[in-house]
Amino acid sequence: MGNKKKRVNIVYSTNPDYSYEDDDYEVEETLAPNQQNLRVSIDRKQRKGKEVTLITGFVGTEDDLKALGKTIKQKCGVGGAVKDGEIMVQGNHLKKVLEILKTEGYKAKQSGGA
């Protein structure tokens, strides 16, 4: 009998021919910073008029994205969130975030007309 903890989306099946879905998914490799094409923009949509600096385009693992988000938030001295493959930093820190990303070795561009 296999490892039952890795089975997802099923509680019990009486079908003898049923094949379980396993939780073994391929891990995405993180690209080197100089190969990343990050986009930095200011977003106000669905945030009650509050501005956030949004960083998109990161290719890599969730842990590496969270580490980059933590670094950016610390250097800007503000809060934010990392979710859905995006880093959100509270407030308008477009120029500062671009400088931080470039000093870290990332290829980053301003996106949008803010």
PDB file of N, CA and C in Angstrom:
ATOM      1  N   MET A   1       0.845  -1.177   0.000  1.00  0.00           N
ATOM      2  CA  MET A   1       0.000   0.000   0.000  1.00  0.00           C
ATOM      3  C   MET A   1       0.888   1.237   0.000  1.00  0.00           C
ATOM      4  N   GLY A   2       0.610   2.235  -0.798  1.00  0.00           N
ATOM      5  CA  GLY A   2       1.426   3.441  -0.895  1.00  0.00           C
ATOM      6  C   GLY A   2       1.222   4.372   0.284  1.00  0.00           C
ATOM      7  N   ASN A   3       1.845   5.492   0.194  1.00  0.00           N
ATOM      8  CA  ASN A   3       1.715   6.511   1.234  1.00  0.00           C
ATOM      9  C   ASN A   3       0.376   7.217   1.059  1.00  0.00           C
ATOM     10  N   LYS A   4      -0.546   7.010   1.973  1.00  0.00           N
ATOM     11  CA  LYS A   4      -1.891   7.561   1.845  1.00  0.00           C
ATOM     12  C   LYS A   4      -1.945   9.060   2.080  1.00  0.00           C
ATOM     13  N   LYS A   5      -0.954   9.615   2.775  1.00  0.00           N
ATOM     14  CA  LYS A   5      -0.985  11.050   3.070  1.00  0.00           C
ATOM     15  C   LYS A   5      -0.775  11.900   1.823  1.00  0.00           C
ATOM     16  N   LYS A   6      -0.178  11.335   0.777  1.00  0.00           N
ATOM     17  CA  LYS A   6       0.068  12.101  -0.441  1.00  0.00           C
ATOM     18  C   LYS A   6      -1.138  12.137  -1.366  1.00  0.00           C
ATOM     19  N   ARG A   7      -2.176  11.386  -1.055  1.00  0.00           N
ATOM     20  CA  ARG A   7      -3.371  11.368  -1.893  1.00  0.00           C
ATOM     21  C   ARG A   7      -4.164  12.659  -1.689  1.00  0.00           C
ATOM     22  N   VAL A   8      -4.617  13.235  -2.778  1.00  0.00           N
ATOM     23  CA  VAL A   8      -5.388  14.467  -2.694  1.00  0.00           C
ATOM     24  C   VAL A   8      -6.736  14.294  -3.374  1.00  0.00           C
ATOM     25  N   ASN A   9      -7.705  15.081  -2.970  1.00  0.00           N
ATOM     26  CA  ASN A   9      -9.039  15.156  -3.566  1.00  0.00           C
ATOM     27  C   ASN A   9      -9.837  13.858  -3.471  1.00  0.00           C
ATOM     28  N   ILE A  10      -9.553  12.990  -2.521  1.00  0.00           N
ATOM     29  CA  ILE A  10     -10.330  11.761  -2.364  1.00  0.00           C
ATOM     30  C   ILE A  10     -10.331  11.363  -0.893  1.00  0.00           C
ATOM     31  N   VAL A  11     -11.457  10.907  -0.434  1.00  0.00           N
ATOM     32  CA  VAL A  11     -11.544  10.400   0.927  1.00  0.00           C
ATOM     33  C   VAL A  11     -11.514   8.884   0.900  1.00  0.00           C
ATOM     34  N   TYR A  12     -12.386   8.287   0.060  1.00  0.00           N
ATOM     35  CA  TYR A  12     -12.477   6.834  -0.007  1.00  0.00           C
ATOM     36  C   TYR A  12     -13.128   6.458  -1.330  1.00  0.00           C
ATOM     37  N   SER A  13     -12.670   5.380  -1.941  1.00  0.00           N
ATOM     38  CA  SER A  13     -13.279   4.908  -3.174  1.00  0.00           C
ATOM     39  C   SER A  13     -13.420   3.391  -3.129  1.00  0.00           C
ATOM     40  N   THR A  14     -14.585   2.882  -3.560  1.00  0.00           N
ATOM     41  CA  THR A  14     -14.810   1.437  -3.613  1.00  0.00           C
ATOM     42  C   THR A  14     -14.454   0.869  -4.982  1.00  0.00           C
ATOM     43  N   ASN A  15     -14.120   1.725  -5.938  1.00  0.00           N
ATOM     44  CA  ASN A  15     -13.765   1.305  -7.283  1.00  0.00           C
ATOM     45  C   ASN A  15     -12.362   0.699  -7.268  1.00  0.00           C
ATOM     46  N   PRO A  16     -12.216  -0.608  -7.606  1.00  0.00           N
ATOM     47  CA  PRO A  16     -10.888  -1.232  -7.564  1.00  0.00           C
ATOM     48  C   PRO A  16      -9.936  -0.711  -8.643  1.00  0.00           C
ATOM     49  N   ASP A  17     -10.484  -0.117  -9.713  1.00  0.00           N
ATOM     50  CA  ASP A  17      -9.640   0.400 -10.795  1.00  0.00           C
ATOM     51  C   ASP A  17      -9.307   1.879 -10.629  1.00  0.00           C
ATOM     52  N   TYR A  18      -9.702   2.492  -9.520  1.00  0.00           N
ATOM     53  CA  TYR A  18      -9.487   3.921  -9.307  1.00  0.00           C
ATOM     54  C   TYR A  18      -8.008   4.188  -9.035  1.00  0.00           C
ATOM     55  N   SER A  19      -7.459   5.191  -9.689  1.00  0.00           N
ATOM     56  CA  SER A  19      -6.072   5.580  -9.395  1.00  0.00           C
ATOM     57  C   SER A  19      -6.105   6.920  -8.668  1.00  0.00           C
ATOM     58  N   TYR A  20      -5.399   6.989  -7.574  1.00  0.00           N
ATOM     59  CA  TYR A  20      -5.379   8.195  -6.751  1.00  0.00           C
ATOM     60  C   TYR A  20      -4.465   9.245  -7.357  1.00  0.00           C
ATOM     61  N   GLU A  21      -4.843  10.520  -7.141  1.00  0.00           N
ATOM     62  CA  GLU A  21      -3.959  11.619  -7.517  1.00  0.00           C
ATOM     63  C   GLU A  21      -2.948  11.787  -6.397  1.00  0.00           C
ATOM     64  N   ASP A  22      -1.697  11.882  -6.753  1.00  0.00           N
ATOM     65  CA  ASP A  22      -0.667  12.087  -5.745  1.00  0.00           C
ATOM     66  C   ASP A  22      -0.309  13.564  -5.657  1.00  0.00           C
ATOM     67  N   ASP A  23       0.235  13.925  -4.521  1.00  0.00           N
ATOM     68  CA  ASP A  23       0.631  15.305  -4.261  1.00  0.00           C
ATOM     69  C   ASP A  23       2.033  15.589  -4.795  1.00  0.00           C
ATOM     70  N   ASP A  24       2.609  14.649  -5.534  1.00  0.00           N
ATOM     71  CA  ASP A  24       3.960  14.837  -6.075  1.00  0.00           C
ATOM     72  C   ASP A  24       3.865  15.693  -7.330  1.00  0.00           C
ATOM     73  N   TYR A  25       4.166  16.953  -7.213  1.00  0.00           N
ATOM     74  CA  TYR A  25       4.155  17.851  -8.348  1.00  0.00           C
ATOM     75  C   TYR A  25       5.582  18.300  -8.607  1.00  0.00           C
ATOM     76  N   GLU A  26       5.846  18.714  -9.825  1.00  0.00           N
ATOM     77  CA  GLU A  26       7.189  19.124 -10.179  1.00  0.00           C
ATOM     78  C   GLU A  26       7.492  20.481  -9.546  1.00  0.00           C
ATOM     79  N   VAL A  27       8.668  20.576  -8.976  1.00  0.00           N
ATOM     80  CA  VAL A  27       9.083  21.811  -8.327  1.00  0.00           C
ATOM     81  C   VAL A  27       9.641  22.746  -9.387  1.00  0.00           C
ATOM     82  N   GLU A  28       9.175  23.981  -9.354  1.00  0.00           N
ATOM     83  CA  GLU A  28       9.619  24.973 -10.307  1.00  0.00           C
ATOM     84  C   GLU A  28      10.967  25.522  -9.862  1.00  0.00           C
ATOM     85  N   GLU A  29      11.905  25.579 -10.786  1.00  0.00           N
ATOM     86  CA  GLU A  29      13.231  26.096 -10.465  1.00  0.00           C
ATOM     87  C   GLU A  29      13.210  27.618 -10.531  1.00  0.00           C
ATOM     88  N   THR A  30      13.945  28.240  -9.635  1.00  0.00           N
ATOM     89  CA  THR A  30      14.035  29.688  -9.619  1.00  0.00           C
ATOM     90  C   THR A  30      15.112  30.136 -10.589  1.00  0.00           C
ATOM     91  N   LEU A  31      14.758  31.053 -11.465  1.00  0.00           N
ATOM     92  CA  LEU A  31      15.734  31.606 -12.399  1.00  0.00           C
ATOM     93  C   LEU A  31      16.713  32.503 -11.650  1.00  0.00           C
ATOM     94  N   ALA A  32      17.891  32.660 -12.204  1.00  0.00           N
ATOM     95  CA  ALA A  32      18.883  33.560 -11.618  1.00  0.00           C
ATOM     96  C   ALA A  32      18.357  34.993 -11.696  1.00  0.00           C
ATOM     97  N   PRO A  33      18.764  35.855 -10.756  1.00  0.00           N
ATOM     98  CA  PRO A  33      18.251  37.237 -10.768  1.00  0.00           C
ATOM     99  C   PRO A  33      18.443  37.968 -12.090  1.00  0.00           C
ATOM    100  N   ASN A  34      19.565  37.743 -12.777  1.00  0.00           N
ATOM    101  CA  ASN A  34      19.780  38.463 -14.038  1.00  0.00           C
ATOM    102  C   ASN A  34      18.931  37.911 -15.184  1.00  0.00           C
ATOM    103  N   GLN A  35      18.245  36.776 -14.969  1.00  0.00           N
ATOM    104  CA  GLN A  35      17.349  36.225 -15.982  1.00  0.00           C
ATOM    105  C   GLN A  35      15.886  36.549 -15.704  1.00  0.00           C
ATOM    106  N   GLN A  36      15.594  37.123 -14.559  1.00  0.00           N
ATOM    107  CA  GLN A  36      14.214  37.477 -14.199  1.00  0.00           C
ATOM    108  C   GLN A  36      13.807  38.749 -14.935  1.00  0.00           C
ATOM    109  N   ASN A  37      12.585  38.798 -15.424  1.00  0.00           N
ATOM    110  CA  ASN A  37      12.032  40.003 -16.034  1.00  0.00           C
ATOM    111  C   ASN A  37      10.886  40.480 -15.148  1.00  0.00           C
ATOM    112  N   LEU A  38      11.213  41.312 -14.180  1.00  0.00           N
ATOM    113  CA  LEU A  38      10.214  41.779 -13.222  1.00  0.00           C
ATOM    114  C   LEU A  38       9.592  43.082 -13.699  1.00  0.00           C
ATOM    115  N   ARG A  39       8.316  43.243 -13.427  1.00  0.00           N
ATOM    116  CA  ARG A  39       7.569  44.460 -13.744  1.00  0.00           C
ATOM    117  C   ARG A  39       7.131  45.102 -12.438  1.00  0.00           C
ATOM    118  N   VAL A  40       7.390  46.392 -12.296  1.00  0.00           N
ATOM    119  CA  VAL A  40       7.018  47.123 -11.090  1.00  0.00           C
ATOM    120  C   VAL A  40       6.006  48.182 -11.490  1.00  0.00           C
ATOM    121  N   SER A  41       4.864  48.201 -10.799  1.00  0.00           N
ATOM    122  CA  SER A  41       3.818  49.167 -11.125  1.00  0.00           C
ATOM    123  C   SER A  41       3.106  49.613  -9.854  1.00  0.00           C
ATOM    124  N   ILE A  42       2.333  50.689  -9.992  1.00  0.00           N
ATOM    125  CA  ILE A  42       1.495  51.185  -8.904  1.00  0.00           C
ATOM    126  C   ILE A  42       0.070  50.747  -9.201  1.00  0.00           C
ATOM    127  N   ASP A  43      -0.583  50.190  -8.198  1.00  0.00           N
ATOM    128  CA  ASP A  43      -1.938  49.673  -8.395  1.00  0.00           C
ATOM    129  C   ASP A  43      -2.863  50.259  -7.339  1.00  0.00           C
ATOM    130  N   ARG A  44      -4.076  50.631  -7.759  1.00  0.00           N
ATOM    131  CA  ARG A  44      -5.087  51.148  -6.845  1.00  0.00           C
ATOM    132  C   ARG A  44      -6.382  50.354  -6.945  1.00  0.00           C
ATOM    133  N   LYS A  45      -6.454  49.403  -7.854  1.00  0.00           N
ATOM    134  CA  LYS A  45      -7.694  48.685  -8.134  1.00  0.00           C
ATOM    135  C   LYS A  45      -8.119  47.838  -6.946  1.00  0.00           C
ATOM    136  N   GLN A  46      -9.355  47.955  -6.567  1.00  0.00           N
ATOM    137  CA  GLN A  46      -9.983  47.196  -5.484  1.00  0.00           C
ATOM    138  C   GLN A  46      -9.216  47.297  -4.171  1.00  0.00           C
ATOM    139  N   ARG A  47      -8.655  48.475  -3.912  1.00  0.00           N
ATOM    140  CA  ARG A  47      -7.925  48.693  -2.670  1.00  0.00           C
ATOM    141  C   ARG A  47      -8.417  49.961  -1.967  1.00  0.00           C
ATOM    142  N   LYS A  48      -9.636  50.349  -2.264  1.00  0.00           N
ATOM    143  CA  LYS A  48     -10.277  51.517  -1.652  1.00  0.00           C
ATOM    144  C   LYS A  48      -9.441  52.785  -1.828  1.00  0.00           C
ATOM    145  N   GLY A  49      -8.819  52.937  -2.998  1.00  0.00           N
ATOM    146  CA  GLY A  49      -8.051  54.135  -3.300  1.00  0.00           C
ATOM    147  C   GLY A  49      -6.632  54.123  -2.768  1.00  0.00           C
ATOM    148  N   LYS A  50      -6.277  53.134  -1.978  1.00  0.00           N
ATOM    149  CA  LYS A  50      -4.920  53.050  -1.437  1.00  0.00           C
ATOM    150  C   LYS A  50      -3.966  52.560  -2.524  1.00  0.00           C
ATOM    151  N   GLU A  51      -2.763  53.098  -2.533  1.00  0.00           N
ATOM    152  CA  GLU A  51      -1.773  52.696  -3.517  1.00  0.00           C
ATOM    153  C   GLU A  51      -0.906  51.566  -2.978  1.00  0.00           C
ATOM    154  N   VAL A  52      -0.577  50.624  -3.855  1.00  0.00           N
ATOM    155  CA  VAL A  52       0.405  49.593  -3.534  1.00  0.00           C
ATOM    156  C   VAL A  52       1.378  49.509  -4.705  1.00  0.00           C
ATOM    157  N   THR A  53       2.606  49.190  -4.382  1.00  0.00           N
ATOM    158  CA  THR A  53       3.609  48.939  -5.406  1.00  0.00           C
ATOM    159  C   THR A  53       3.566  47.440  -5.685  1.00  0.00           C
ATOM    160  N   LEU A  54       3.329  47.081  -6.928  1.00  0.00           N
ATOM    161  CA  LEU A  54       3.105  45.694  -7.320  1.00  0.00           C
ATOM    162  C   LEU A  54       4.281  45.199  -8.155  1.00  0.00           C
ATOM    163  N   ILE A  55       4.855  44.061  -7.759  1.00  0.00           N
ATOM    164  CA  ILE A  55       5.969  43.466  -8.487  1.00  0.00           C
ATOM    165  C   ILE A  55       5.485  42.134  -9.044  1.00  0.00           C
ATOM    166  N   THR A  56       5.527  41.990 -10.363  1.00  0.00           N
ATOM    167  CA  THR A  56       5.053  40.785 -11.025  1.00  0.00           C
ATOM    168  C   THR A  56       6.144  40.219 -11.932  1.00  0.00           C
ATOM    169  N   GLY A  57       5.926  38.994 -12.399  1.00  0.00           N
ATOM    170  CA  GLY A  57       6.834  38.392 -13.371  1.00  0.00           C
ATOM    171  C   GLY A  57       7.905  37.506 -12.772  1.00  0.00           C
ATOM    172  N   PHE A  58       7.850  37.220 -11.468  1.00  0.00           N
ATOM    173  CA  PHE A  58       8.863  36.384 -10.829  1.00  0.00           C
ATOM    174  C   PHE A  58       8.666  34.934 -11.250  1.00  0.00           C
ATOM    175  N   VAL A  59       9.741  34.278 -11.668  1.00  0.00           N
ATOM    176  CA  VAL A  59       9.694  32.872 -12.041  1.00  0.00           C
ATOM    177  C   VAL A  59      10.533  32.099 -11.038  1.00  0.00           C
ATOM    178  N   GLY A  60       9.866  31.261 -10.239  1.00  0.00           N
ATOM    179  CA  GLY A  60      10.605  30.486  -9.256  1.00  0.00           C
ATOM    180  C   GLY A  60       9.704  29.935  -8.175  1.00  0.00           C
ATOM    181  N   THR A  61      10.328  29.458  -7.112  1.00  0.00           N
ATOM    182  CA  THR A  61       9.589  28.832  -6.030  1.00  0.00           C
ATOM    183  C   THR A  61       8.920  29.886  -5.147  1.00  0.00           C
ATOM    184  N   GLU A  62       7.910  29.452  -4.433  1.00  0.00           N
ATOM    185  CA  GLU A  62       7.169  30.340  -3.529  1.00  0.00           C
ATOM    186  C   GLU A  62       8.080  30.840  -2.405  1.00  0.00           C
ATOM    187  N   ASP A  63       8.979  29.985  -1.921  1.00  0.00           N
ATOM    188  CA  ASP A  63       9.888  30.382  -0.840  1.00  0.00           C
ATOM    189  C   ASP A  63      10.842  31.486  -1.285  1.00  0.00           C
ATOM    190  N   ASP A  64      11.361  31.387  -2.515  1.00  0.00           N
ATOM    191  CA  ASP A  64      12.259  32.419  -3.021  1.00  0.00           C
ATOM    192  C   ASP A  64      11.512  33.733  -3.227  1.00  0.00           C
ATOM    193  N   LEU A  65      10.264  33.644  -3.672  1.00  0.00           N
ATOM    194  CA  LEU A  65       9.441  34.843  -3.849  1.00  0.00           C
ATOM    195  C   LEU A  65       9.185  35.514  -2.503  1.00  0.00           C
ATOM    196  N   LYS A  66       8.879  34.711  -1.477  1.00  0.00           N
ATOM    197  CA  LYS A  66       8.649  35.263  -0.140  1.00  0.00           C
ATOM    198  C   LYS A  66       9.907  35.911   0.415  1.00  0.00           C
ATOM    199  N   ALA A  67      11.066  35.309   0.160  1.00  0.00           N
ATOM    200  CA  ALA A  67      12.331  35.878   0.636  1.00  0.00           C
ATOM    201  C   ALA A  67      12.599  37.223  -0.032  1.00  0.00           C
ATOM    202  N   LEU A  68      12.349  37.322  -1.339  1.00  0.00           N
ATOM    203  CA  LEU A  68      12.530  38.591  -2.044  1.00  0.00           C
ATOM    204  C   LEU A  68      11.540  39.630  -1.523  1.00  0.00           C
ATOM    205  N   GLY A  69      10.292  39.217  -1.308  1.00  0.00           N
ATOM    206  CA  GLY A  69       9.281  40.131  -0.770  1.00  0.00           C
ATOM    207  C   GLY A  69       9.666  40.656   0.598  1.00  0.00           C
ATOM    208  N   LYS A  70      10.197  39.791   1.436  1.00  0.00           N
ATOM    209  CA  LYS A  70      10.615  40.198   2.779  1.00  0.00           C
ATOM    210  C   LYS A  70      11.747  41.222   2.708  1.00  0.00           C
ATOM    211  N   THR A  71      12.713  40.977   1.819  1.00  0.00           N
ATOM    212  CA  THR A  71      13.833  41.902   1.652  1.00  0.00           C
ATOM    213  C   THR A  71      13.342  43.284   1.206  1.00  0.00           C
ATOM    214  N   ILE A  72      12.458  43.303   0.229  1.00  0.00           N
ATOM    215  CA  ILE A  72      11.954  44.572  -0.300  1.00  0.00           C
ATOM    216  C   ILE A  72      11.164  45.324   0.771  1.00  0.00           C
ATOM    217  N   LYS A  73      10.306  44.611   1.497  1.00  0.00           N
ATOM    218  CA  LYS A  73       9.497  45.260   2.534  1.00  0.00           C
ATOM    219  C   LYS A  73      10.383  45.838   3.639  1.00  0.00           C
ATOM    220  N   GLN A  74      11.431  45.097   4.012  1.00  0.00           N
ATOM    221  CA  GLN A  74      12.336  45.584   5.060  1.00  0.00           C
ATOM    222  C   GLN A  74      13.081  46.830   4.614  1.00  0.00           C
ATOM    223  N   LYS A  75      13.574  46.825   3.369  1.00  0.00           N
ATOM    224  CA  LYS A  75      14.345  47.965   2.882  1.00  0.00           C
ATOM    225  C   LYS A  75      13.472  49.201   2.664  1.00  0.00           C
ATOM    226  N   CYS A  76      12.184  48.978   2.372  1.00  0.00           N
ATOM    227  CA  CYS A  76      11.264  50.118   2.223  1.00  0.00           C
ATOM    228  C   CYS A  76      10.694  50.542   3.573  1.00  0.00           C
ATOM    229  N   GLY A  77      10.769  49.678   4.559  1.00  0.00           N
ATOM    230  CA  GLY A  77      10.258  50.002   5.885  1.00  0.00           C
ATOM    231  C   GLY A  77       8.738  50.017   5.963  1.00  0.00           C
ATOM    232  N   VAL A  78       8.094  49.197   5.144  1.00  0.00           N
ATOM    233  CA  VAL A  78       6.630  49.154   5.124  1.00  0.00           C
ATOM    234  C   VAL A  78       6.155  47.709   5.103  1.00  0.00           C
ATOM    235  N   GLY A  79       4.851  47.532   5.214  1.00  0.00           N
ATOM    236  CA  GLY A  79       4.253  46.213   5.152  1.00  0.00           C
ATOM    237  C   GLY A  79       3.903  45.848   3.733  1.00  0.00           C
ATOM    238  N   GLY A  80       3.355  44.669   3.590  1.00  0.00           N
ATOM    239  CA  GLY A  80       2.950  44.209   2.276  1.00  0.00           C
ATOM    240  C   GLY A  80       2.567  42.751   2.334  1.00  0.00           C
ATOM    241  N   ALA A  81       2.441  42.149   1.167  1.00  0.00           N
ATOM    242  CA  ALA A  81       2.041  40.744   1.094  1.00  0.00           C
ATOM    243  C   ALA A  81       2.679  40.095  -0.123  1.00  0.00           C
ATOM    244  N   VAL A  82       2.816  38.775  -0.038  1.00  0.00           N
ATOM    245  CA  VAL A  82       3.290  37.979  -1.162  1.00  0.00           C
ATOM    246  C   VAL A  82       2.243  36.911  -1.402  1.00  0.00           C
ATOM    247  N   LYS A  83       1.552  36.995  -2.548  1.00  0.00           N
ATOM    248  CA  LYS A  83       0.558  35.977  -2.880  1.00  0.00           C
ATOM    249  C   LYS A  83       0.285  35.985  -4.375  1.00  0.00           C
ATOM    250  N   ASP A  84      -0.150  34.847  -4.866  1.00  0.00           N
ATOM    251  CA  ASP A  84      -0.479  34.660  -6.283  1.00  0.00           C
ATOM    252  C   ASP A  84       0.677  35.036  -7.205  1.00  0.00           C
ATOM    253  N   GLY A  85       1.903  34.795  -6.774  1.00  0.00           N
ATOM    254  CA  GLY A  85       3.065  35.091  -7.606  1.00  0.00           C
ATOM    255  C   GLY A  85       3.400  36.568  -7.710  1.00  0.00           C
ATOM    256  N   GLU A  86       2.832  37.384  -6.843  1.00  0.00           N
ATOM    257  CA  GLU A  86       3.070  38.828  -6.856  1.00  0.00           C
ATOM    258  C   GLU A  86       3.543  39.295  -5.485  1.00  0.00           C
ATOM    259  N   ILE A  87       4.305  40.383  -5.499  1.00  0.00           N
ATOM    260  CA  ILE A  87       4.714  41.021  -4.252  1.00  0.00           C
ATOM    261  C   ILE A  87       4.010  42.367  -4.211  1.00  0.00           C
ATOM    262  N   MET A  88       3.278  42.624  -3.121  1.00  0.00           N
ATOM    263  CA  MET A  88       2.607  43.906  -2.932  1.00  0.00           C
ATOM    264  C   MET A  88       3.259  44.621  -1.758  1.00  0.00           C
ATOM    265  N   VAL A  89       3.680  45.863  -2.000  1.00  0.00           N
ATOM    266  CA  VAL A  89       4.287  46.682  -0.956  1.00  0.00           C
ATOM    267  C   VAL A  89       3.365  47.871  -0.741  1.00  0.00           C
ATOM    268  N   GLN A  90       3.008  48.132   0.505  1.00  0.00           N
ATOM    269  CA  GLN A  90       2.072  49.213   0.796  1.00  0.00           C
ATOM    270  C   GLN A  90       2.685  50.563   0.456  1.00  0.00           C
ATOM    271  N   GLY A  91       1.921  51.382  -0.267  1.00  0.00           N
ATOM    272  CA  GLY A  91       2.351  52.727  -0.604  1.00  0.00           C
ATOM    273  C   GLY A  91       3.017  52.792  -1.969  1.00  0.00           C
ATOM    274  N   ASN A  92       3.339  54.030  -2.363  1.00  0.00           N
ATOM    275  CA  ASN A  92       3.970  54.281  -3.653  1.00  0.00           C
ATOM    276  C   ASN A  92       5.484  54.315  -3.455  1.00  0.00           C
ATOM    277  N   HIS A  93       6.144  53.188  -3.701  1.00  0.00           N
ATOM    278  CA  HIS A  93       7.595  53.067  -3.544  1.00  0.00           C
ATOM    279  C   HIS A  93       8.231  52.597  -4.841  1.00  0.00           C
ATOM    280  N   LEU A  94       7.716  53.076  -5.958  1.00  0.00           N
ATOM    281  CA  LEU A  94       8.127  52.608  -7.272  1.00  0.00           C
ATOM    282  C   LEU A  94       9.628  52.766  -7.500  1.00  0.00           C
ATOM    283  N   LYS A  95      10.138  53.966  -7.321  1.00  0.00           N
ATOM    284  CA  LYS A  95      11.559  54.226  -7.600  1.00  0.00           C
ATOM    285  C   LYS A  95      12.464  53.473  -6.638  1.00  0.00           C
ATOM    286  N   LYS A  96      12.079  53.426  -5.374  1.00  0.00           N
ATOM    287  CA  LYS A  96      12.886  52.739  -4.376  1.00  0.00           C
ATOM    288  C   LYS A  96      12.936  51.236  -4.649  1.00  0.00           C
ATOM    289  N   VAL A  97      11.793  50.652  -5.015  1.00  0.00           N
ATOM    290  CA  VAL A  97      11.736  49.217  -5.315  1.00  0.00           C
ATOM    291  C   VAL A  97      12.570  48.899  -6.551  1.00  0.00           C
ATOM    292  N   LEU A  98      12.502  49.754  -7.577  1.00  0.00           N
ATOM    293  CA  LEU A  98      13.320  49.549  -8.773  1.00  0.00           C
ATOM    294  C   LEU A  98      14.807  49.572  -8.424  1.00  0.00           C
ATOM    295  N   GLU A  99      15.223  50.517  -7.576  1.00  0.00           N
ATOM    296  CA  GLU A  99      16.623  50.600  -7.155  1.00  0.00           C
ATOM    297  C   GLU A  99      17.036  49.349  -6.383  1.00  0.00           C
ATOM    298  N   ILE A 100      16.187  48.903  -5.463  1.00  0.00           N
ATOM    299  CA  ILE A 100      16.489  47.713  -4.656  1.00  0.00           C
ATOM    300  C   ILE A 100      16.653  46.489  -5.560  1.00  0.00           C
ATOM    301  N   LEU A 101      15.723  46.298  -6.502  1.00  0.00           N
ATOM    302  CA  LEU A 101      15.789  45.145  -7.394  1.00  0.00           C
ATOM    303  C   LEU A 101      17.043  45.179  -8.256  1.00  0.00           C
ATOM    304  N   LYS A 102      17.418  46.360  -8.743  1.00  0.00           N
ATOM    305  CA  LYS A 102      18.609  46.465  -9.594  1.00  0.00           C
ATOM    306  C   LYS A 102      19.885  46.222  -8.796  1.00  0.00           C
ATOM    307  N   THR A 103      19.940  46.687  -7.542  1.00  0.00           N
ATOM    308  CA  THR A 103      21.128  46.426  -6.724  1.00  0.00           C
ATOM    309  C   THR A 103      21.216  44.944  -6.347  1.00  0.00           C
ATOM    310  N   GLU A 104      20.062  44.249  -6.277  1.00  0.00           N
ATOM    311  CA  GLU A 104      20.057  42.815  -5.991  1.00  0.00           C
ATOM    312  C   GLU A 104      20.405  41.996  -7.241  1.00  0.00           C
ATOM    313  N   GLY A 105      20.503  42.657  -8.396  1.00  0.00           N
ATOM    314  CA  GLY A 105      20.888  41.963  -9.625  1.00  0.00           C
ATOM    315  C   GLY A 105      19.736  41.569 -10.524  1.00  0.00           C
ATOM    316  N   TYR A 106      18.511  42.005 -10.229  1.00  0.00           N
ATOM    317  CA  TYR A 106      17.340  41.655 -11.033  1.00  0.00           C
ATOM    318  C   TYR A 106      17.178  42.619 -12.199  1.00  0.00           C
ATOM    319  N   LYS A 107      16.607  42.095 -13.306  1.00  0.00           N
ATOM    320  CA  LYS A 107      16.216  42.970 -14.411  1.00  0.00           C
ATOM    321  C   LYS A 107      14.789  43.418 -14.097  1.00  0.00           C
ATOM    322  N   ALA A 108      14.610  44.707 -13.846  1.00  0.00           N
ATOM    323  CA  ALA A 108      13.284  45.214 -13.470  1.00  0.00           C
ATOM    324  C   ALA A 108      12.966  46.435 -14.317  1.00  0.00           C
ATOM    325  N   LYS A 109      11.697  46.530 -14.705  1.00  0.00           N
ATOM    326  CA  LYS A 109      11.211  47.662 -15.499  1.00  0.00           C
ATOM    327  C   LYS A 109       9.976  48.242 -14.844  1.00  0.00           C
ATOM    328  N   GLN A 110       9.767  49.526 -15.085  1.00  0.00           N
ATOM    329  CA  GLN A 110       8.542  50.163 -14.645  1.00  0.00           C
ATOM    330  C   GLN A 110       7.445  49.789 -15.630  1.00  0.00           C
ATOM    331  N   SER A 111       6.295  49.438 -15.086  1.00  0.00           N
ATOM    332  CA  SER A 111       5.173  49.059 -15.915  1.00  0.00           C
ATOM    333  C   SER A 111       4.005  49.983 -15.568  1.00  0.00           C
ATOM    334  N   GLY A 112       3.266  50.432 -16.551  1.00  0.00           N
ATOM    335  CA  GLY A 112       2.146  51.349 -16.297  1.00  0.00           C
ATOM    336  C   GLY A 112       2.621  52.778 -16.336  1.00  0.00           C
ATOM    337  N   GLY A 113       1.682  53.705 -16.223  1.00  0.00           N
ATOM    338  CA  GLY A 113       2.022  55.107 -16.379  1.00  0.00           C
ATOM    339  C   GLY A 113       2.042  55.908 -15.106  1.00  0.00           C
ATOM    340  N   ALA A 114       2.389  55.292 -13.984  1.00  0.00           N
ATOM    341  CA  ALA A 114       2.360  56.007 -12.714  1.00  0.00           C
ATOM    342  C   ALA A 114       3.549  56.886 -12.524  1.00  0.00           C
TER     343      ALA A 114
END
